[in-house]
Amino acid sequence: MHDSLTMLLTSAAALAGIVGVILLIGRALRHTSLGKPKSAASLLILKDTIALDARRRLHLIQHEDRTVLLLTGGETDVVVGWLDGPKPP
């Protein structure tokens, strides 16, 4: 009985230590560039959304230096058009 209780407490302490180390590493990575890649942070930006009716929405989305207008929620999603930036080839 004494040996099984000691083994249980040792296992619980080891598990708590491992979880603590993982949490500390996660917190440290948030403050470095490894936590969030810069390219994924600002690839797409939702600028505005307008509800046209109960199902359809008009979205203004920025991708790098270009802006696109999307209509979603109907039978099909439609690219209404690109508003600025360089023209595609």
N, C-alpha and C. Protein backbone atom coordinates (compact mmCIF):
# COMPACT_ATOMS: atom_id res chain seq x y z
N MET A 1 0.82 -1.19 0.00
CA MET A 1 0.00 0.00 0.00
C MET A 1 0.87 1.26 0.00
N HIS A 2 1.90 1.26 0.82
CA HIS A 2 2.79 2.41 0.92
C HIS A 2 3.54 2.63 -0.39
N ASP A 3 4.00 1.55 -1.02
CA ASP A 3 4.74 1.67 -2.27
C ASP A 3 3.85 2.18 -3.40
N SER A 4 2.60 1.73 -3.48
CA SER A 4 1.71 2.19 -4.55
C SER A 4 1.34 3.66 -4.36
N LEU A 5 1.19 4.13 -3.12
CA LEU A 5 0.89 5.53 -2.86
C LEU A 5 2.09 6.41 -3.23
N THR A 6 3.27 5.93 -2.91
CA THR A 6 4.48 6.67 -3.27
C THR A 6 4.64 6.76 -4.78
N MET A 7 4.38 5.67 -5.48
CA MET A 7 4.48 5.66 -6.93
C MET A 7 3.44 6.59 -7.55
N LEU A 8 2.23 6.62 -6.99
CA LEU A 8 1.17 7.49 -7.50
C LEU A 8 1.54 8.96 -7.31
N LEU A 9 2.05 9.30 -6.13
CA LEU A 9 2.44 10.69 -5.88
C LEU A 9 3.63 11.10 -6.74
N THR A 10 4.57 10.22 -6.94
CA THR A 10 5.72 10.51 -7.81
C THR A 10 5.27 10.73 -9.25
N SER A 11 4.36 9.89 -9.72
CA SER A 11 3.86 10.03 -11.09
C SER A 11 3.09 11.33 -11.26
N ALA A 12 2.27 11.70 -10.28
CA ALA A 12 1.51 12.94 -10.35
C ALA A 12 2.43 14.15 -10.35
N ALA A 13 3.48 14.11 -9.52
CA ALA A 13 4.44 15.22 -9.47
C ALA A 13 5.19 15.34 -10.79
N ALA A 14 5.56 14.20 -11.38
CA ALA A 14 6.27 14.23 -12.66
C ALA A 14 5.36 14.79 -13.77
N LEU A 15 4.10 14.38 -13.78
CA LEU A 15 3.16 14.88 -14.78
C LEU A 15 2.94 16.38 -14.61
N ALA A 16 2.80 16.84 -13.37
CA ALA A 16 2.62 18.27 -13.12
C ALA A 16 3.86 19.06 -13.56
N GLY A 17 5.03 18.49 -13.35
CA GLY A 17 6.25 19.16 -13.79
C GLY A 17 6.34 19.27 -15.30
N ILE A 18 5.97 18.22 -16.01
CA ILE A 18 6.01 18.25 -17.48
C ILE A 18 5.01 19.24 -18.03
N VAL A 19 3.79 19.25 -17.47
CA VAL A 19 2.78 20.22 -17.92
C VAL A 19 3.26 21.64 -17.63
N GLY A 20 3.87 21.87 -16.50
CA GLY A 20 4.40 23.19 -16.17
C GLY A 20 5.47 23.64 -17.14
N VAL A 21 6.37 22.74 -17.51
CA VAL A 21 7.42 23.09 -18.47
C VAL A 21 6.81 23.41 -19.83
N ILE A 22 5.82 22.65 -20.27
CA ILE A 22 5.16 22.92 -21.56
C ILE A 22 4.48 24.29 -21.54
N LEU A 23 3.81 24.62 -20.44
CA LEU A 23 3.16 25.93 -20.34
C LEU A 23 4.18 27.07 -20.34
N LEU A 24 5.30 26.88 -19.66
CA LEU A 24 6.34 27.91 -19.66
C LEU A 24 6.95 28.11 -21.05
N ILE A 25 7.17 27.03 -21.77
CA ILE A 25 7.70 27.13 -23.13
C ILE A 25 6.69 27.84 -24.04
N GLY A 26 5.41 27.52 -23.90
CA GLY A 26 4.39 28.19 -24.70
C GLY A 26 4.32 29.68 -24.42
N ARG A 27 4.42 30.06 -23.16
CA ARG A 27 4.41 31.47 -22.80
C ARG A 27 5.65 32.19 -23.33
N ALA A 28 6.80 31.53 -23.29
CA ALA A 28 8.03 32.15 -23.80
C ALA A 28 7.97 32.30 -25.32
N LEU A 29 7.35 31.36 -26.03
CA LEU A 29 7.27 31.44 -27.48
C LEU A 29 6.34 32.56 -27.95
N ARG A 30 5.38 32.95 -27.13
CA ARG A 30 4.48 34.04 -27.52
C ARG A 30 5.22 35.35 -27.69
N HIS A 31 6.33 35.51 -26.99
CA HIS A 31 7.09 36.76 -27.03
C HIS A 31 8.22 36.72 -28.05
N THR A 32 8.30 35.66 -28.85
CA THR A 32 9.33 35.56 -29.87
C THR A 32 8.67 35.46 -31.24
N SER A 33 9.47 35.50 -32.28
CA SER A 33 8.94 35.37 -33.64
C SER A 33 8.57 33.93 -33.97
N LEU A 34 8.97 32.97 -33.12
CA LEU A 34 8.64 31.57 -33.36
C LEU A 34 7.18 31.27 -33.04
N GLY A 35 6.58 32.06 -32.17
CA GLY A 35 5.21 31.83 -31.75
C GLY A 35 4.19 32.06 -32.84
N LYS A 36 4.39 33.08 -33.66
CA LYS A 36 3.45 33.42 -34.71
C LYS A 36 4.23 33.89 -35.94
N PRO A 37 4.23 33.14 -37.02
CA PRO A 37 4.95 33.58 -38.21
C PRO A 37 4.38 34.89 -38.74
N LYS A 38 5.25 35.79 -39.18
CA LYS A 38 4.80 37.09 -39.65
C LYS A 38 3.97 36.97 -40.92
N SER A 39 4.28 36.01 -41.78
CA SER A 39 3.54 35.88 -43.03
C SER A 39 2.11 35.46 -42.79
N ALA A 40 1.85 34.64 -41.79
CA ALA A 40 0.49 34.19 -41.50
C ALA A 40 -0.29 35.23 -40.72
N ALA A 41 0.38 36.15 -40.07
CA ALA A 41 -0.30 37.12 -39.22
C ALA A 41 -1.11 38.13 -40.02
N SER A 42 -0.64 38.53 -41.20
CA SER A 42 -1.34 39.57 -41.93
C SER A 42 -1.56 39.21 -43.39
N LEU A 43 -1.75 37.95 -43.69
CA LEU A 43 -1.96 37.55 -45.07
C LEU A 43 -3.31 38.01 -45.58
N LEU A 44 -4.37 37.76 -44.82
CA LEU A 44 -5.72 38.20 -45.17
C LEU A 44 -6.28 39.04 -44.03
N ILE A 45 -6.88 40.18 -44.37
CA ILE A 45 -7.49 41.04 -43.37
C ILE A 45 -8.93 41.31 -43.79
N LEU A 46 -9.87 40.98 -42.91
CA LEU A 46 -11.27 41.26 -43.16
C LEU A 46 -11.52 42.71 -42.79
N LYS A 47 -11.77 43.56 -43.78
CA LYS A 47 -11.95 44.98 -43.54
C LYS A 47 -13.37 45.31 -43.10
N ASP A 48 -14.39 44.73 -43.77
CA ASP A 48 -15.77 45.05 -43.44
C ASP A 48 -16.69 43.96 -43.96
N THR A 49 -17.85 43.82 -43.33
CA THR A 49 -18.87 42.87 -43.75
C THR A 49 -20.23 43.54 -43.65
N ILE A 50 -21.04 43.38 -44.70
CA ILE A 50 -22.39 43.93 -44.72
C ILE A 50 -23.36 42.79 -44.96
N ALA A 51 -24.42 42.70 -44.14
CA ALA A 51 -25.46 41.70 -44.33
C ALA A 51 -26.47 42.25 -45.34
N LEU A 52 -26.61 41.56 -46.46
CA LEU A 52 -27.57 41.99 -47.48
C LEU A 52 -28.97 41.48 -47.16
N ASP A 53 -29.07 40.25 -46.68
CA ASP A 53 -30.32 39.68 -46.23
C ASP A 53 -29.99 38.61 -45.18
N ALA A 54 -30.92 37.70 -44.91
CA ALA A 54 -30.70 36.71 -43.86
C ALA A 54 -29.57 35.75 -44.17
N ARG A 55 -29.28 35.51 -45.45
CA ARG A 55 -28.25 34.53 -45.81
C ARG A 55 -27.01 35.15 -46.44
N ARG A 56 -27.17 36.19 -47.23
CA ARG A 56 -26.05 36.71 -48.02
C ARG A 56 -25.29 37.82 -47.31
N ARG A 57 -23.97 37.80 -47.48
CA ARG A 57 -23.08 38.80 -46.90
C ARG A 57 -22.12 39.31 -47.98
N LEU A 58 -21.79 40.58 -47.88
CA LEU A 58 -20.80 41.20 -48.76
C LEU A 58 -19.57 41.49 -47.91
N HIS A 59 -18.42 40.91 -48.27
CA HIS A 59 -17.19 41.02 -47.49
C HIS A 59 -16.16 41.82 -48.26
N LEU A 60 -15.49 42.73 -47.57
CA LEU A 60 -14.37 43.48 -48.12
C LEU A 60 -13.11 42.92 -47.47
N ILE A 61 -12.25 42.27 -48.27
CA ILE A 61 -11.07 41.56 -47.76
C ILE A 61 -9.82 42.12 -48.41
N GLN A 62 -8.80 42.37 -47.59
CA GLN A 62 -7.52 42.86 -48.10
C GLN A 62 -6.52 41.72 -48.11
N HIS A 63 -5.82 41.58 -49.24
CA HIS A 63 -4.73 40.61 -49.38
C HIS A 63 -3.51 41.38 -49.84
N GLU A 64 -2.54 41.53 -48.94
CA GLU A 64 -1.34 42.33 -49.16
C GLU A 64 -1.74 43.74 -49.59
N ASP A 65 -1.48 44.16 -50.83
CA ASP A 65 -1.82 45.52 -51.25
C ASP A 65 -3.07 45.56 -52.13
N ARG A 66 -3.80 44.46 -52.20
CA ARG A 66 -5.00 44.39 -53.03
C ARG A 66 -6.23 44.18 -52.15
N THR A 67 -7.39 44.65 -52.65
CA THR A 67 -8.64 44.51 -51.93
C THR A 67 -9.67 43.86 -52.85
N VAL A 68 -10.40 42.89 -52.30
CA VAL A 68 -11.39 42.15 -53.09
C VAL A 68 -12.74 42.24 -52.40
N LEU A 69 -13.80 42.25 -53.21
CA LEU A 69 -15.17 42.27 -52.71
C LEU A 69 -15.79 40.91 -53.00
N LEU A 70 -16.25 40.20 -51.93
CA LEU A 70 -16.81 38.85 -52.06
C LEU A 70 -18.27 38.85 -51.64
N LEU A 71 -19.10 38.12 -52.39
CA LEU A 71 -20.49 37.90 -52.03
C LEU A 71 -20.63 36.45 -51.63
N THR A 72 -21.02 36.18 -50.36
CA THR A 72 -21.13 34.82 -49.85
C THR A 72 -22.53 34.57 -49.32
N GLY A 73 -22.87 33.27 -49.20
CA GLY A 73 -24.10 32.89 -48.55
C GLY A 73 -25.21 32.46 -49.47
N GLY A 74 -25.12 32.71 -50.74
CA GLY A 74 -26.15 32.27 -51.66
C GLY A 74 -25.87 30.84 -52.10
N GLU A 75 -26.38 30.48 -53.27
CA GLU A 75 -26.09 29.14 -53.79
C GLU A 75 -24.63 28.99 -54.14
N THR A 76 -24.00 30.08 -54.58
CA THR A 76 -22.57 30.07 -54.87
C THR A 76 -21.96 31.34 -54.28
N ASP A 77 -20.68 31.27 -53.98
CA ASP A 77 -19.94 32.45 -53.54
C ASP A 77 -19.33 33.10 -54.77
N VAL A 78 -19.34 34.43 -54.82
CA VAL A 78 -18.94 35.15 -56.03
C VAL A 78 -17.90 36.19 -55.67
N VAL A 79 -16.84 36.28 -56.50
CA VAL A 79 -15.90 37.39 -56.41
C VAL A 79 -16.51 38.52 -57.22
N VAL A 80 -16.93 39.58 -56.54
CA VAL A 80 -17.55 40.71 -57.23
C VAL A 80 -16.49 41.47 -58.00
N GLY A 81 -15.32 41.67 -57.40
CA GLY A 81 -14.25 42.32 -58.14
C GLY A 81 -13.12 42.76 -57.23
N TRP A 82 -11.99 43.03 -57.87
CA TRP A 82 -10.82 43.56 -57.19
C TRP A 82 -10.94 45.07 -57.23
N LEU A 83 -10.72 45.73 -56.11
CA LEU A 83 -10.94 47.17 -56.05
C LEU A 83 -9.70 48.01 -56.34
N ASP A 84 -8.51 47.52 -56.02
CA ASP A 84 -7.31 48.28 -56.28
C ASP A 84 -6.11 47.37 -56.37
N GLY A 85 -4.93 47.96 -56.53
CA GLY A 85 -3.71 47.18 -56.59
C GLY A 85 -3.38 46.79 -58.01
N PRO A 86 -2.28 46.06 -58.20
CA PRO A 86 -1.87 45.66 -59.55
C PRO A 86 -2.85 44.68 -60.16
N LYS A 87 -3.01 44.76 -61.45
CA LYS A 87 -3.90 43.85 -62.15
C LYS A 87 -3.25 42.48 -62.31
N PRO A 88 -4.05 41.41 -62.19
CA PRO A 88 -3.48 40.07 -62.35
C PRO A 88 -3.01 39.84 -63.78
N PRO A 89 -2.00 38.98 -63.97
CA PRO A 89 -1.48 38.75 -65.34
C PRO A 89 -2.48 38.02 -66.21
